[in-house]
């Protein structure tokens, strides 16, 4: 789990170790809980450019219309340092009310530049002197990249993990999977030490009770 950049499903752990699915699922979540960034993590800084974007996560829902299928998806807000760390978090909507608390908590005020797409909400959250708004439609006319390519690549990698390994994730547990992905991504240059780091966290953190996962 700590080395597979697209994650490992509970079914795969079940086959490898010889557990019931229920036990494998619980074990994976306990390991996943140890692979969460500290609440104090903040991105950016005086010489750092940060990209912010959002995406929709969730599969198609059969037997319903396009709008109902879209409503079934979950919005994930992404904050990414260029060449550095990322933070992904679910939000209820693309409004300032839901996005501002996440951005304020995770973005350092001293950040040099913040690049977003043209979503109006960002104008109300990010100081004008630091804010660069990109027009993806214009960027994609001549090139196959955008100004928020770093965070978009992180979204893409996470979604490939869903398609290839997990197949589907519930809204209730999505933030824990996002946290696992970010923990691994942010330590991608520390591969030889990942297992020991996760094991130390498992030993030092408070155990995750099964009842907390099943609500």
C-alpha atoms as a PDB file:
ATOM      1  CA  UNK A   1       0.000   0.000   0.000  1.00  0.00           C
ATOM      2  CA  UNK A   2       2.771   2.470   0.763  1.00  0.00           C
ATOM      3  CA  UNK A   3       4.592   1.863  -2.534  1.00  0.00           C
ATOM      4  CA  UNK A   4       1.794   1.250  -5.080  1.00  0.00           C
ATOM      5  CA  UNK A   5       1.208   4.773  -6.405  1.00  0.00           C
ATOM      6  CA  UNK A   6      -2.328   3.907  -7.547  1.00  0.00           C
ATOM      7  CA  UNK A   7      -3.181   2.037  -4.356  1.00  0.00           C
ATOM      8  CA  UNK A   8      -4.188  -1.560  -3.596  1.00  0.00           C
ATOM      9  CA  UNK A   9      -7.737  -2.801  -3.136  1.00  0.00           C
ATOM     10  CA  UNK A  10      -9.010  -4.775  -0.147  1.00  0.00           C
ATOM     11  CA  UNK A  11      -9.758  -7.665  -2.514  1.00  0.00           C
ATOM     12  CA  UNK A  12      -6.106  -7.804  -3.550  1.00  0.00           C
ATOM     13  CA  UNK A  13      -4.978  -7.794   0.096  1.00  0.00           C
ATOM     14  CA  UNK A  14      -7.540 -10.514   0.802  1.00  0.00           C
ATOM     15  CA  UNK A  15      -6.027 -12.725  -1.923  1.00  0.00           C
ATOM     16  CA  UNK A  16      -2.423 -12.061  -0.895  1.00  0.00           C
ATOM     17  CA  UNK A  17      -2.805 -12.672   2.833  1.00  0.00           C
ATOM     18  CA  UNK A  18      -5.749 -15.047   2.962  1.00  0.00           C
ATOM     19  CA  UNK A  19      -8.228 -12.946   4.944  1.00  0.00           C
ATOM     20  CA  UNK A  20     -11.962 -12.505   4.693  1.00  0.00           C
ATOM     21  CA  UNK A  21     -12.955  -9.433   2.687  1.00  0.00           C
ATOM     22  CA  UNK A  22     -14.358  -7.735   5.802  1.00  0.00           C
ATOM     23  CA  UNK A  23     -11.074  -8.184   7.693  1.00  0.00           C
ATOM     24  CA  UNK A  24      -8.972  -7.104   4.697  1.00  0.00           C
ATOM     25  CA  UNK A  25     -11.125  -3.998   4.252  1.00  0.00           C
ATOM     26  CA  UNK A  26     -10.691  -3.096   7.926  1.00  0.00           C
ATOM     27  CA  UNK A  27      -6.919  -3.736   7.848  1.00  0.00           C
ATOM     28  CA  UNK A  28      -6.550  -1.528   4.752  1.00  0.00           C
ATOM     29  CA  UNK A  29      -8.435   1.302   6.418  1.00  0.00           C
ATOM     30  CA  UNK A  30      -6.262   1.070   9.531  1.00  0.00           C
ATOM     31  CA  UNK A  31      -3.136   1.290   7.368  1.00  0.00           C
ATOM     32  CA  UNK A  32      -4.764   4.091   5.379  1.00  0.00           C
ATOM     33  CA  UNK A  33      -5.420   5.985   8.606  1.00  0.00           C
ATOM     34  CA  UNK A  34      -1.677   5.844   9.326  1.00  0.00           C
ATOM     35  CA  UNK A  35      -1.052   7.327   5.871  1.00  0.00           C
ATOM     36  CA  UNK A  36      -2.735  10.664   6.540  1.00  0.00           C
ATOM     37  CA  UNK A  37      -1.011  14.027   6.538  1.00  0.00           C
ATOM     38  CA  UNK A  38      -1.002  15.994   9.813  1.00  0.00           C
ATOM     39  CA  UNK A  39      -3.745  18.598  10.144  1.00  0.00           C
ATOM     40  CA  UNK A  40      -1.041  21.263  10.395  1.00  0.00           C
ATOM     41  CA  UNK A  41       0.182  20.691   6.805  1.00  0.00           C
ATOM     42  CA  UNK A  42       0.149  23.909   4.756  1.00  0.00           C
ATOM     43  CA  UNK A  43       1.248  24.347   1.150  1.00  0.00           C
ATOM     44  CA  UNK A  44       2.955  27.219  -0.651  1.00  0.00           C
ATOM     45  CA  UNK A  45       5.422  29.821   0.531  1.00  0.00           C
ATOM     46  CA  UNK A  46       7.287  32.949  -0.536  1.00  0.00           C
ATOM     47  CA  UNK A  47       8.956  31.379  -3.583  1.00  0.00           C
ATOM     48  CA  UNK A  48       6.309  28.765  -4.407  1.00  0.00           C
ATOM     49  CA  UNK A  49       3.685  28.743  -7.153  1.00  0.00           C
ATOM     50  CA  UNK A  50       0.510  26.880  -6.221  1.00  0.00           C
ATOM     51  CA  UNK A  51      -2.208  25.554  -8.522  1.00  0.00           C
ATOM     52  CA  UNK A  52      -5.811  25.103  -7.378  1.00  0.00           C
ATOM     53  CA  UNK A  53      -8.525  23.283  -9.287  1.00  0.00           C
ATOM     54  CA  UNK A  54     -11.457  20.979  -8.682  1.00  0.00           C
ATOM     55  CA  UNK A  55     -12.735  17.787 -10.258  1.00  0.00           C
ATOM     56  CA  UNK A  56     -15.695  15.414 -10.035  1.00  0.00           C
ATOM     57  CA  UNK A  57     -15.224  11.888  -8.666  1.00  0.00           C
ATOM     58  CA  UNK A  58     -17.767   9.109  -9.034  1.00  0.00           C
ATOM     59  CA  UNK A  59     -18.913   6.585 -11.583  1.00  0.00           C
ATOM     60  CA  UNK A  60     -21.941   6.641 -13.805  1.00  0.00           C
ATOM     61  CA  UNK A  61     -25.236   5.735 -12.221  1.00  0.00           C
ATOM     62  CA  UNK A  62     -27.368   3.406 -14.300  1.00  0.00           C
ATOM     63  CA  UNK A  63     -31.028   4.029 -14.910  1.00  0.00           C
ATOM     64  CA  UNK A  64     -30.939   7.771 -14.230  1.00  0.00           C
ATOM     65  CA  UNK A  65     -30.531  10.872 -16.384  1.00  0.00           C
ATOM     66  CA  UNK A  66     -27.369  12.887 -16.943  1.00  0.00           C
ATOM     67  CA  UNK A  67     -28.246  15.461 -14.258  1.00  0.00           C
ATOM     68  CA  UNK A  68     -28.990  12.794 -11.645  1.00  0.00           C
ATOM     69  CA  UNK A  69     -25.708  11.071 -12.521  1.00  0.00           C
ATOM     70  CA  UNK A  70     -23.832  14.355 -12.102  1.00  0.00           C
ATOM     71  CA  UNK A  71     -25.494  14.934  -8.731  1.00  0.00           C
ATOM     72  CA  UNK A  72     -24.230  11.510  -7.655  1.00  0.00           C
ATOM     73  CA  UNK A  73     -20.605  12.627  -8.131  1.00  0.00           C
ATOM     74  CA  UNK A  74     -18.457  14.201  -5.418  1.00  0.00           C
ATOM     75  CA  UNK A  75     -16.469  17.421  -5.876  1.00  0.00           C
ATOM     76  CA  UNK A  76     -12.791  17.179  -4.947  1.00  0.00           C
ATOM     77  CA  UNK A  77     -10.759  20.345  -4.440  1.00  0.00           C
ATOM     78  CA  UNK A  78      -7.056  20.077  -5.251  1.00  0.00           C
ATOM     79  CA  UNK A  79      -4.192  22.317  -4.101  1.00  0.00           C
ATOM     80  CA  UNK A  80      -0.751  21.550  -5.573  1.00  0.00           C
ATOM     81  CA  UNK A  81       2.698  23.091  -5.334  1.00  0.00           C
ATOM     82  CA  UNK A  82       4.530  23.021  -8.653  1.00  0.00           C
ATOM     83  CA  UNK A  83       7.124  20.281  -8.224  1.00  0.00           C
ATOM     84  CA  UNK A  84       6.083  19.759  -4.618  1.00  0.00           C
ATOM     85  CA  UNK A  85       3.240  18.554  -2.425  1.00  0.00           C
ATOM     86  CA  UNK A  86      -0.509  18.260  -2.931  1.00  0.00           C
ATOM     87  CA  UNK A  87      -3.666  18.314  -0.840  1.00  0.00           C
ATOM     88  CA  UNK A  88      -6.977  16.835  -2.045  1.00  0.00           C
ATOM     89  CA  UNK A  89     -10.235  17.252  -0.126  1.00  0.00           C
ATOM     90  CA  UNK A  90     -13.920  16.726  -0.828  1.00  0.00           C
ATOM     91  CA  UNK A  91     -16.181  19.787  -0.743  1.00  0.00           C
ATOM     92  CA  UNK A  92     -19.964  20.042  -0.912  1.00  0.00           C
ATOM     93  CA  UNK A  93     -20.023  22.659  -3.662  1.00  0.00           C
ATOM     94  CA  UNK A  94     -17.942  25.081  -5.726  1.00  0.00           C
ATOM     95  CA  UNK A  95     -19.117  28.039  -3.655  1.00  0.00           C
ATOM     96  CA  UNK A  96     -16.923  30.250  -1.472  1.00  0.00           C
ATOM     97  CA  UNK A  97     -18.751  28.975   1.598  1.00  0.00           C
ATOM     98  CA  UNK A  98     -17.440  25.420   1.058  1.00  0.00           C
ATOM     99  CA  UNK A  99     -14.096  26.048  -0.676  1.00  0.00           C
ATOM    100  CA  UNK A 100     -12.721  28.994   1.313  1.00  0.00           C
ATOM    101  CA  UNK A 101     -12.270  27.126   4.652  1.00  0.00           C
ATOM    102  CA  UNK A 102     -10.162  24.441   2.917  1.00  0.00           C
ATOM    103  CA  UNK A 103      -8.025  26.933   1.001  1.00  0.00           C
ATOM    104  CA  UNK A 104      -7.541  29.188   4.052  1.00  0.00           C
ATOM    105  CA  UNK A 105      -6.513  26.188   6.188  1.00  0.00           C
ATOM    106  CA  UNK A 106      -4.046  24.694   3.699  1.00  0.00           C
ATOM    107  CA  UNK A 107      -2.574  27.631   1.727  1.00  0.00           C
ATOM    108  CA  UNK A 108       0.137  29.793   3.278  1.00  0.00           C
ATOM    109  CA  UNK A 109      -0.712  33.525   3.053  1.00  0.00           C
ATOM    110  CA  UNK A 110       2.863  34.211   1.915  1.00  0.00           C
ATOM    111  CA  UNK A 111       2.480  32.094  -1.256  1.00  0.00           C
ATOM    112  CA  UNK A 112       4.072  33.817  -4.243  1.00  0.00           C
ATOM    113  CA  UNK A 113       1.446  32.997  -6.902  1.00  0.00           C
ATOM    114  CA  UNK A 114      -1.819  31.061  -7.036  1.00  0.00           C
ATOM    115  CA  UNK A 115      -3.007  29.826 -10.426  1.00  0.00           C
ATOM    116  CA  UNK A 116      -6.600  28.709 -10.982  1.00  0.00           C
ATOM    117  CA  UNK A 117      -9.027  28.289 -13.849  1.00  0.00           C
ATOM    118  CA  UNK A 118     -11.635  30.980 -14.547  1.00  0.00           C
ATOM    119  CA  UNK A 119     -14.121  29.834 -11.887  1.00  0.00           C
ATOM    120  CA  UNK A 120     -15.552  32.995 -10.326  1.00  0.00           C
ATOM    121  CA  UNK A 121     -15.358  31.586  -6.789  1.00  0.00           C
ATOM    122  CA  UNK A 122     -11.556  31.877  -6.705  1.00  0.00           C
ATOM    123  CA  UNK A 123     -11.741  35.657  -7.211  1.00  0.00           C
ATOM    124  CA  UNK A 124     -13.597  35.946  -3.916  1.00  0.00           C
ATOM    125  CA  UNK A 125     -11.073  33.781  -2.032  1.00  0.00           C
ATOM    126  CA  UNK A 126      -7.589  34.554  -3.372  1.00  0.00           C
ATOM    127  CA  UNK A 127      -5.988  38.034  -3.081  1.00  0.00           C
ATOM    128  CA  UNK A 128      -5.902  39.750  -6.470  1.00  0.00           C
ATOM    129  CA  UNK A 129      -2.170  40.527  -6.321  1.00  0.00           C
ATOM    130  CA  UNK A 130      -1.321  36.802  -6.047  1.00  0.00           C
ATOM    131  CA  UNK A 131      -4.022  35.411  -8.307  1.00  0.00           C
ATOM    132  CA  UNK A 132      -3.490  34.305 -11.921  1.00  0.00           C
ATOM    133  CA  UNK A 133      -6.606  33.128 -13.759  1.00  0.00           C
ATOM    134  CA  UNK A 134      -6.056  30.751 -16.668  1.00  0.00           C
ATOM    135  CA  UNK A 135      -8.358  30.193 -19.632  1.00  0.00           C
ATOM    136  CA  UNK A 136      -8.185  26.465 -20.353  1.00  0.00           C
ATOM    137  CA  UNK A 137     -10.097  26.768 -23.628  1.00  0.00           C
ATOM    138  CA  UNK A 138      -7.511  29.172 -25.021  1.00  0.00           C
ATOM    139  CA  UNK A 139      -4.564  27.183 -23.614  1.00  0.00           C
ATOM    140  CA  UNK A 140      -5.725  23.947 -25.211  1.00  0.00           C
ATOM    141  CA  UNK A 141      -6.069  25.472 -28.687  1.00  0.00           C
ATOM    142  CA  UNK A 142      -2.336  25.329 -29.360  1.00  0.00           C
ATOM    143  CA  UNK A 143      -0.998  23.092 -26.597  1.00  0.00           C
ATOM    144  CA  UNK A 144      -1.938  19.879 -24.807  1.00  0.00           C
ATOM    145  CA  UNK A 145      -1.312  21.303 -21.330  1.00  0.00           C
ATOM    146  CA  UNK A 146      -2.868  23.900 -19.030  1.00  0.00           C
ATOM    147  CA  UNK A 147      -1.570  26.234 -16.324  1.00  0.00           C
ATOM    148  CA  UNK A 148      -3.004  23.881 -13.704  1.00  0.00           C
ATOM    149  CA  UNK A 149      -1.397  20.772 -15.172  1.00  0.00           C
ATOM    150  CA  UNK A 150       0.258  19.706 -11.890  1.00  0.00           C
ATOM    151  CA  UNK A 151      -2.985  19.375  -9.945  1.00  0.00           C
ATOM    152  CA  UNK A 152      -4.783  17.931 -12.992  1.00  0.00           C
ATOM    153  CA  UNK A 153      -2.128  15.216 -13.255  1.00  0.00           C
ATOM    154  CA  UNK A 154      -2.708  14.359  -9.591  1.00  0.00           C
ATOM    155  CA  UNK A 155      -6.460  14.087 -10.234  1.00  0.00           C
ATOM    156  CA  UNK A 156      -5.787  11.837 -13.219  1.00  0.00           C
ATOM    157  CA  UNK A 157      -3.499   9.516 -11.249  1.00  0.00           C
ATOM    158  CA  UNK A 158      -6.043   9.189  -8.437  1.00  0.00           C
ATOM    159  CA  UNK A 159      -8.847   8.415 -10.892  1.00  0.00           C
ATOM    160  CA  UNK A 160      -6.734   5.756 -12.613  1.00  0.00           C
ATOM    161  CA  UNK A 161      -6.392   4.130  -9.205  1.00  0.00           C
ATOM    162  CA  UNK A 162     -10.187   4.077  -8.862  1.00  0.00           C
ATOM    163  CA  UNK A 163     -10.692   2.569 -12.330  1.00  0.00           C
ATOM    164  CA  UNK A 164      -7.861   0.038 -12.074  1.00  0.00           C
ATOM    165  CA  UNK A 165      -7.998  -0.998  -8.414  1.00  0.00           C
ATOM    166  CA  UNK A 166     -10.900   0.241  -6.343  1.00  0.00           C
ATOM    167  CA  UNK A 167     -13.547   0.451  -9.097  1.00  0.00           C
ATOM    168  CA  UNK A 168     -15.792   2.537  -6.858  1.00  0.00           C
ATOM    169  CA  UNK A 169     -15.431   4.510  -3.633  1.00  0.00           C
ATOM    170  CA  UNK A 170     -18.158   5.675  -1.266  1.00  0.00           C
ATOM    171  CA  UNK A 171     -18.455   9.351  -0.393  1.00  0.00           C
ATOM    172  CA  UNK A 172     -18.203   8.482   3.289  1.00  0.00           C
ATOM    173  CA  UNK A 173     -14.651   7.142   2.967  1.00  0.00           C
ATOM    174  CA  UNK A 174     -13.393   9.174   0.001  1.00  0.00           C
ATOM    175  CA  UNK A 175     -11.383  11.656   2.090  1.00  0.00           C
ATOM    176  CA  UNK A 176      -9.430   8.819   3.708  1.00  0.00           C
ATOM    177  CA  UNK A 177      -8.498   7.451   0.253  1.00  0.00           C
ATOM    178  CA  UNK A 178      -7.538  10.956  -0.869  1.00  0.00           C
ATOM    179  CA  UNK A 179      -5.383  11.331   2.245  1.00  0.00           C
ATOM    180  CA  UNK A 180      -3.611   8.044   1.531  1.00  0.00           C
ATOM    181  CA  UNK A 181      -2.930   9.169  -2.047  1.00  0.00           C
ATOM    182  CA  UNK A 182      -1.565  12.565  -0.947  1.00  0.00           C
ATOM    183  CA  UNK A 183       0.660  11.013   1.760  1.00  0.00           C
ATOM    184  CA  UNK A 184       2.228   8.694  -0.800  1.00  0.00           C
ATOM    185  CA  UNK A 185       2.503  11.389  -3.505  1.00  0.00           C
ATOM    186  CA  UNK A 186       4.118  13.884  -1.139  1.00  0.00           C
ATOM    187  CA  UNK A 187       6.766  11.293  -0.231  1.00  0.00           C
ATOM    188  CA  UNK A 188       7.409   9.983  -3.758  1.00  0.00           C
ATOM    189  CA  UNK A 189      11.126  10.770  -3.440  1.00  0.00           C
ATOM    190  CA  UNK A 190      11.379   8.921  -0.106  1.00  0.00           C
ATOM    191  CA  UNK A 191      10.468   5.427  -1.337  1.00  0.00           C
ATOM    192  CA  UNK A 192      13.100   3.463   0.663  1.00  0.00           C
ATOM    193  CA  UNK A 193      11.680   4.809   3.946  1.00  0.00           C
ATOM    194  CA  UNK A 194       7.927   4.704   3.263  1.00  0.00           C
ATOM    195  CA  UNK A 195       7.268   1.342   4.926  1.00  0.00           C
ATOM    196  CA  UNK A 196       9.062   2.329   8.141  1.00  0.00           C
ATOM    197  CA  UNK A 197       7.298   5.695   8.203  1.00  0.00           C
ATOM    198  CA  UNK A 198       3.855   4.091   7.833  1.00  0.00           C
ATOM    199  CA  UNK A 199       4.692   1.422  10.427  1.00  0.00           C
ATOM    200  CA  UNK A 200       5.804   4.078  12.916  1.00  0.00           C
ATOM    201  CA  UNK A 201       2.532   5.931  12.406  1.00  0.00           C
ATOM    202  CA  UNK A 202       0.577   2.710  12.938  1.00  0.00           C
ATOM    203  CA  UNK A 203       2.323   2.152  16.256  1.00  0.00           C
ATOM    204  CA  UNK A 204       2.071   5.727  17.496  1.00  0.00           C
ATOM    205  CA  UNK A 205      -1.407   6.749  16.373  1.00  0.00           C
ATOM    206  CA  UNK A 206      -4.602   5.888  18.183  1.00  0.00           C
ATOM    207  CA  UNK A 207      -6.157   2.727  16.659  1.00  0.00           C
ATOM    208  CA  UNK A 208      -9.113   3.193  14.301  1.00  0.00           C
ATOM    209  CA  UNK A 209     -12.174   1.342  15.710  1.00  0.00           C
ATOM    210  CA  UNK A 210     -14.298  -0.633  13.248  1.00  0.00           C
ATOM    211  CA  UNK A 211     -17.445   1.152  14.439  1.00  0.00           C
ATOM    212  CA  UNK A 212     -15.972   4.485  13.279  1.00  0.00           C
ATOM    213  CA  UNK A 213     -15.807   3.112   9.735  1.00  0.00           C
ATOM    214  CA  UNK A 214     -19.335   1.750   9.678  1.00  0.00           C
ATOM    215  CA  UNK A 215     -20.984   4.776  11.311  1.00  0.00           C
END
